Amino acid sequence: MLLSILLQANTAIADSTATAAGETPPVPGINVLDMLMKGGPIMIPIGMCSVIAVYIMIERYFNIKKKFKINQNFMSSIKDNVVNGNIPSAINLCRTNPTPVAKMVEKGLMRIGKPLKDIEASMENVGNLEISKAERNLGILGIIAGIAPMLGFIGTILGVIKIFHEISVTDNFSISTISGGLYQKMITSLAGLVVGVFAYSGYHLLMLMVDRLTFRIEAAVIEFVDILQEPTR
């Protein structure tokens, strides 16, 4: 009993000392989920933009990466078959490798006997089509990178308008009212900027992969034309 009284007395003394020293209680941490919920209805389209951006980035990344998978000996095998005059085997080899380069080479093999310019043009057409397929939905990613920050700013502006409307109605011009309202409404700007930066970065990273694929396709066209110019056995 005496021990509990002494503990209570020590606690009271410590509290009074902290108050006298001007110490403030620790500020509670920020819960991310609660913070997002306080952003208001504008967080719904921002959240949808983030989901779409993530889906497009993952789907396009693996799709483009798959297009790069090709046997290192593919072009040398094509060369051997063409030089030996075994065109059907070369075509079958292309069909067993469903990649942009293989599809383009297959088109060139099927045009053998025509002028080189026609063969090269037909291969380039196939290559351009494959590049267009690789760039599919990347435009949507670019749109999200642009509109997500604007949605965040719209949410913030609407929140500020609401705050000042409440002040005009209630005449409550306290700092807590203004700071609390702004804290909640600035969340939309932060969320929009984060989604926009994420989508912008993903768009340009994927475009770099497409550029590499374009270079590989162009190199394959040049190599195939060189193969056709070699004498057959």
Protein backbone atom coordinates (compact mmCIF):
# COMPACT_ATOMS: atom_id res chain seq x y z
CA MET A 1 0.00 0.00 0.00
CA LEU A 2 2.75 2.39 0.97
CA LEU A 3 4.69 1.43 -2.18
CA SER A 4 1.75 2.27 -4.43
CA ILE A 5 1.30 5.65 -2.73
CA LEU A 6 4.97 6.44 -3.24
CA LEU A 7 4.80 5.44 -6.94
CA GLN A 8 1.76 7.66 -7.48
CA ALA A 9 3.51 10.53 -5.78
CA ASN A 10 6.61 10.08 -7.96
CA THR A 11 4.45 10.00 -11.11
CA ALA A 12 2.66 13.18 -10.13
CA ILE A 13 5.97 14.91 -9.40
CA ALA A 14 7.40 13.81 -12.78
CA ASP A 15 4.32 15.10 -14.63
CA SER A 16 4.42 18.43 -12.85
CA THR A 17 8.13 18.76 -13.58
CA ALA A 18 7.63 18.04 -17.31
CA THR A 19 4.81 20.58 -17.45
CA ALA A 20 6.92 23.18 -15.69
CA ALA A 21 9.79 22.57 -18.07
CA GLY A 22 7.47 23.21 -21.02
CA GLU A 23 7.79 19.70 -22.49
CA THR A 24 5.08 18.65 -24.93
CA PRO A 25 3.66 15.13 -25.23
CA PRO A 26 4.93 13.04 -28.15
CA VAL A 27 3.14 13.58 -31.46
CA PRO A 28 1.30 10.44 -32.64
CA GLY A 29 2.56 8.83 -35.82
CA ILE A 30 0.80 9.00 -39.17
CA ASN A 31 -1.19 5.98 -40.30
CA VAL A 32 -0.87 5.76 -44.08
CA LEU A 33 -4.23 4.05 -44.58
CA ASP A 34 -6.06 6.60 -42.42
CA MET A 35 -4.26 9.41 -44.23
CA LEU A 36 -5.39 8.10 -47.62
CA MET A 37 -8.96 7.74 -46.38
CA LYS A 38 -8.96 11.39 -45.32
CA GLY A 39 -8.13 12.47 -48.86
CA GLY A 40 -11.78 12.42 -49.85
CA PRO A 41 -13.63 11.17 -52.96
CA ILE A 42 -10.92 12.45 -55.34
CA MET A 43 -8.70 9.64 -54.05
CA ILE A 44 -10.89 7.14 -55.92
CA PRO A 45 -9.82 8.21 -59.47
CA ILE A 46 -6.24 8.65 -58.26
CA GLY A 47 -6.33 5.12 -56.87
CA MET A 48 -7.77 3.80 -60.14
CA CYS A 49 -4.97 5.54 -62.04
CA SER A 50 -2.38 3.89 -59.80
CA VAL A 51 -3.89 0.42 -60.35
CA ILE A 52 -4.02 0.90 -64.13
CA ALA A 53 -0.45 2.22 -64.19
CA VAL A 54 0.87 -0.75 -62.21
CA TYR A 55 -0.99 -3.23 -64.44
CA ILE A 56 0.29 -1.65 -67.67
CA MET A 57 3.86 -1.47 -66.41
CA ILE A 58 3.97 -5.11 -65.33
CA GLU A 59 2.16 -6.42 -68.43
CA ARG A 60 4.24 -4.37 -70.90
CA TYR A 61 7.52 -5.15 -69.15
CA PHE A 62 7.11 -8.92 -69.44
CA ASN A 63 5.63 -8.64 -72.93
CA ILE A 64 8.55 -6.58 -74.28
CA LYS A 65 11.09 -8.71 -72.43
CA LYS A 66 9.56 -11.80 -74.03
CA LYS A 67 10.09 -10.29 -77.47
CA PHE A 68 13.84 -10.15 -76.80
CA LYS A 69 14.07 -13.88 -76.15
CA ILE A 70 15.65 -15.41 -79.22
CA ASN A 71 18.25 -18.10 -79.76
CA GLN A 72 21.70 -16.60 -80.13
CA ASN A 73 22.34 -18.99 -83.05
CA PHE A 74 19.10 -18.04 -84.81
CA MET A 75 20.57 -15.79 -87.50
CA SER A 76 23.52 -18.12 -88.11
CA SER A 77 21.09 -21.01 -88.62
CA ILE A 78 19.06 -18.88 -91.02
CA LYS A 79 22.25 -18.02 -92.87
CA ASP A 80 23.27 -21.68 -93.23
CA ASN A 81 19.83 -22.66 -94.56
CA VAL A 82 19.67 -19.75 -97.02
CA VAL A 83 23.21 -20.29 -98.32
CA ASN A 84 22.47 -23.99 -98.81
CA GLY A 85 19.22 -23.15 -100.59
CA ASN A 86 17.08 -24.79 -97.91
CA ILE A 87 14.45 -22.06 -97.65
CA PRO A 88 11.61 -24.25 -96.20
CA SER A 89 13.81 -25.23 -93.24
CA ALA A 90 14.61 -21.57 -92.63
CA ILE A 91 10.90 -20.70 -92.67
CA ASN A 92 10.10 -23.53 -90.23
CA LEU A 93 12.87 -22.25 -87.96
CA CYS A 94 11.24 -18.81 -87.93
CA ARG A 95 7.85 -20.25 -87.12
CA THR A 96 9.24 -22.12 -84.11
CA ASN A 97 10.61 -18.82 -82.73
CA PRO A 98 7.60 -16.48 -82.34
CA THR A 99 9.58 -13.28 -81.85
CA PRO A 100 9.48 -10.00 -83.82
CA VAL A 101 12.85 -10.73 -85.41
CA ALA A 102 11.77 -14.23 -86.48
CA LYS A 103 8.47 -12.94 -87.93
CA MET A 104 10.33 -10.29 -89.86
CA VAL A 105 12.89 -12.76 -91.22
CA GLU A 106 10.08 -15.13 -92.19
CA LYS A 107 8.49 -12.36 -94.25
CA GLY A 108 11.84 -11.77 -95.95
CA LEU A 109 12.28 -15.46 -96.70
CA MET A 110 8.84 -15.61 -98.31
CA ARG A 111 9.82 -12.67 -100.56
CA ILE A 112 13.03 -14.26 -101.84
CA GLY A 113 13.26 -13.87 -105.60
CA LYS A 114 11.99 -10.29 -105.59
CA PRO A 115 14.24 -7.18 -105.62
CA LEU A 116 16.16 -6.54 -102.41
CA LYS A 117 14.39 -3.22 -101.91
CA ASP A 118 11.01 -4.95 -101.92
CA ILE A 119 12.25 -7.60 -99.49
CA GLU A 120 13.68 -4.96 -97.18
CA ALA A 121 10.49 -2.89 -97.34
CA SER A 122 8.27 -5.86 -96.48
CA MET A 123 10.51 -6.77 -93.54
CA GLU A 124 10.44 -3.20 -92.27
CA ASN A 125 6.65 -3.18 -92.45
CA VAL A 126 6.50 -6.27 -90.25
CA GLY A 127 9.06 -4.72 -87.90
CA ASN A 128 7.02 -1.52 -87.58
CA LEU A 129 3.92 -3.56 -86.82
CA GLU A 130 5.74 -5.46 -84.07
CA ILE A 131 7.05 -2.21 -82.57
CA SER A 132 3.51 -0.82 -82.56
CA LYS A 133 2.36 -3.92 -80.67
CA ALA A 134 5.16 -3.43 -78.15
CA GLU A 135 4.07 0.20 -77.59
CA ARG A 136 0.44 -0.78 -76.97
CA ASN A 137 -1.10 0.97 -73.93
CA LEU A 138 2.07 2.99 -73.28
CA GLY A 139 0.10 6.07 -74.33
CA ILE A 140 -2.33 5.40 -71.45
CA LEU A 141 0.63 5.35 -69.08
CA GLY A 142 1.70 8.73 -70.42
CA ILE A 143 -1.82 10.12 -69.93
CA ILE A 144 -1.87 8.91 -66.31
CA ALA A 145 1.50 10.57 -65.71
CA GLY A 146 -0.11 13.85 -66.78
CA ILE A 147 -3.58 13.73 -65.21
CA ALA A 148 -2.79 12.13 -61.81
CA PRO A 149 -1.03 15.26 -60.43
CA MET A 150 -3.84 17.45 -61.80
CA LEU A 151 -6.44 15.29 -60.06
CA GLY A 152 -4.48 15.75 -56.83
CA PHE A 153 -4.42 19.52 -57.25
CA ILE A 154 -8.14 19.57 -58.00
CA GLY A 155 -8.79 17.67 -54.76
CA THR A 156 -6.69 20.15 -52.80
CA ILE A 157 -8.38 23.20 -54.33
CA LEU A 158 -11.84 21.74 -53.65
CA GLY A 159 -10.80 21.09 -50.07
CA VAL A 160 -9.56 24.66 -49.60
CA ILE A 161 -12.81 26.01 -51.04
CA LYS A 162 -14.74 23.85 -48.56
CA ILE A 163 -12.64 25.08 -45.63
CA PHE A 164 -13.20 28.74 -46.43
CA HIS A 165 -16.89 28.12 -47.04
CA GLU A 166 -17.20 26.63 -43.56
CA ILE A 167 -15.28 29.59 -42.11
CA SER A 168 -17.61 32.05 -43.84
CA VAL A 169 -20.65 30.23 -42.46
CA THR A 170 -19.47 29.53 -38.89
CA ASP A 171 -17.05 32.48 -38.38
CA ASN A 172 -14.67 29.96 -36.80
CA PHE A 173 -11.31 31.24 -37.99
CA SER A 174 -9.15 29.13 -35.69
CA ILE A 175 -5.72 27.83 -36.68
CA SER A 176 -6.73 24.26 -35.81
CA THR A 177 -9.63 24.39 -38.24
CA ILE A 178 -7.51 25.69 -41.12
CA SER A 179 -4.45 23.50 -40.50
CA GLY A 180 -6.54 20.36 -39.97
CA GLY A 181 -8.48 20.92 -43.17
CA LEU A 182 -5.38 21.71 -45.22
CA TYR A 183 -3.58 18.68 -43.83
CA GLN A 184 -6.34 16.44 -45.11
CA LYS A 185 -6.66 18.12 -48.50
CA MET A 186 -2.92 18.22 -49.24
CA ILE A 187 -3.03 14.41 -49.16
CA THR A 188 -4.62 14.39 -52.62
CA SER A 189 -1.79 16.50 -54.06
CA LEU A 190 0.80 14.14 -52.58
CA ALA A 191 -1.01 11.05 -53.88
CA GLY A 192 -1.42 12.54 -57.34
CA LEU A 193 2.25 13.52 -57.57
CA VAL A 194 3.41 10.07 -56.41
CA VAL A 195 1.24 8.29 -58.99
CA GLY A 196 2.31 10.76 -61.68
CA VAL A 197 6.04 10.29 -61.00
CA PHE A 198 5.59 6.52 -60.91
CA ALA A 199 3.73 6.46 -64.24
CA TYR A 200 6.16 8.93 -65.84
CA SER A 201 9.18 6.84 -64.82
CA GLY A 202 7.56 3.61 -65.98
CA TYR A 203 6.61 5.13 -69.33
CA HIS A 204 10.15 6.22 -70.15
CA LEU A 205 11.75 3.00 -68.89
CA LEU A 206 9.44 0.96 -71.13
CA MET A 207 10.13 3.29 -74.07
CA LEU A 208 13.85 2.63 -73.59
CA MET A 209 13.11 -1.09 -73.89
CA VAL A 210 11.11 -0.45 -77.07
CA ASP A 211 14.01 1.58 -78.50
CA ARG A 212 16.34 -1.35 -77.86
CA LEU A 213 13.89 -3.67 -79.62
CA THR A 214 13.73 -1.26 -82.57
CA PHE A 215 17.51 -1.26 -82.86
CA ARG A 216 17.59 -5.05 -82.78
CA ILE A 217 14.96 -5.28 -85.52
CA GLU A 218 16.85 -2.83 -87.74
CA ALA A 219 20.08 -4.78 -87.21
CA ALA A 220 18.29 -8.01 -88.19
CA VAL A 221 17.06 -6.44 -91.45
CA ILE A 222 20.59 -5.39 -92.39
CA GLU A 223 22.00 -8.80 -91.48
CA PHE A 224 19.34 -10.66 -93.47
CA VAL A 225 19.92 -8.50 -96.57
CA ASP A 226 23.65 -9.25 -96.28
CA ILE A 227 22.84 -12.97 -96.13
CA LEU A 228 20.81 -12.76 -99.32
CA GLN A 229 23.74 -11.16 -101.10
CA GLU A 230 26.02 -14.09 -100.36
CA PRO A 231 26.38 -16.75 -103.09
CA THR A 232 24.40 -19.96 -102.63
CA ARG A 233 26.12 -23.34 -102.58
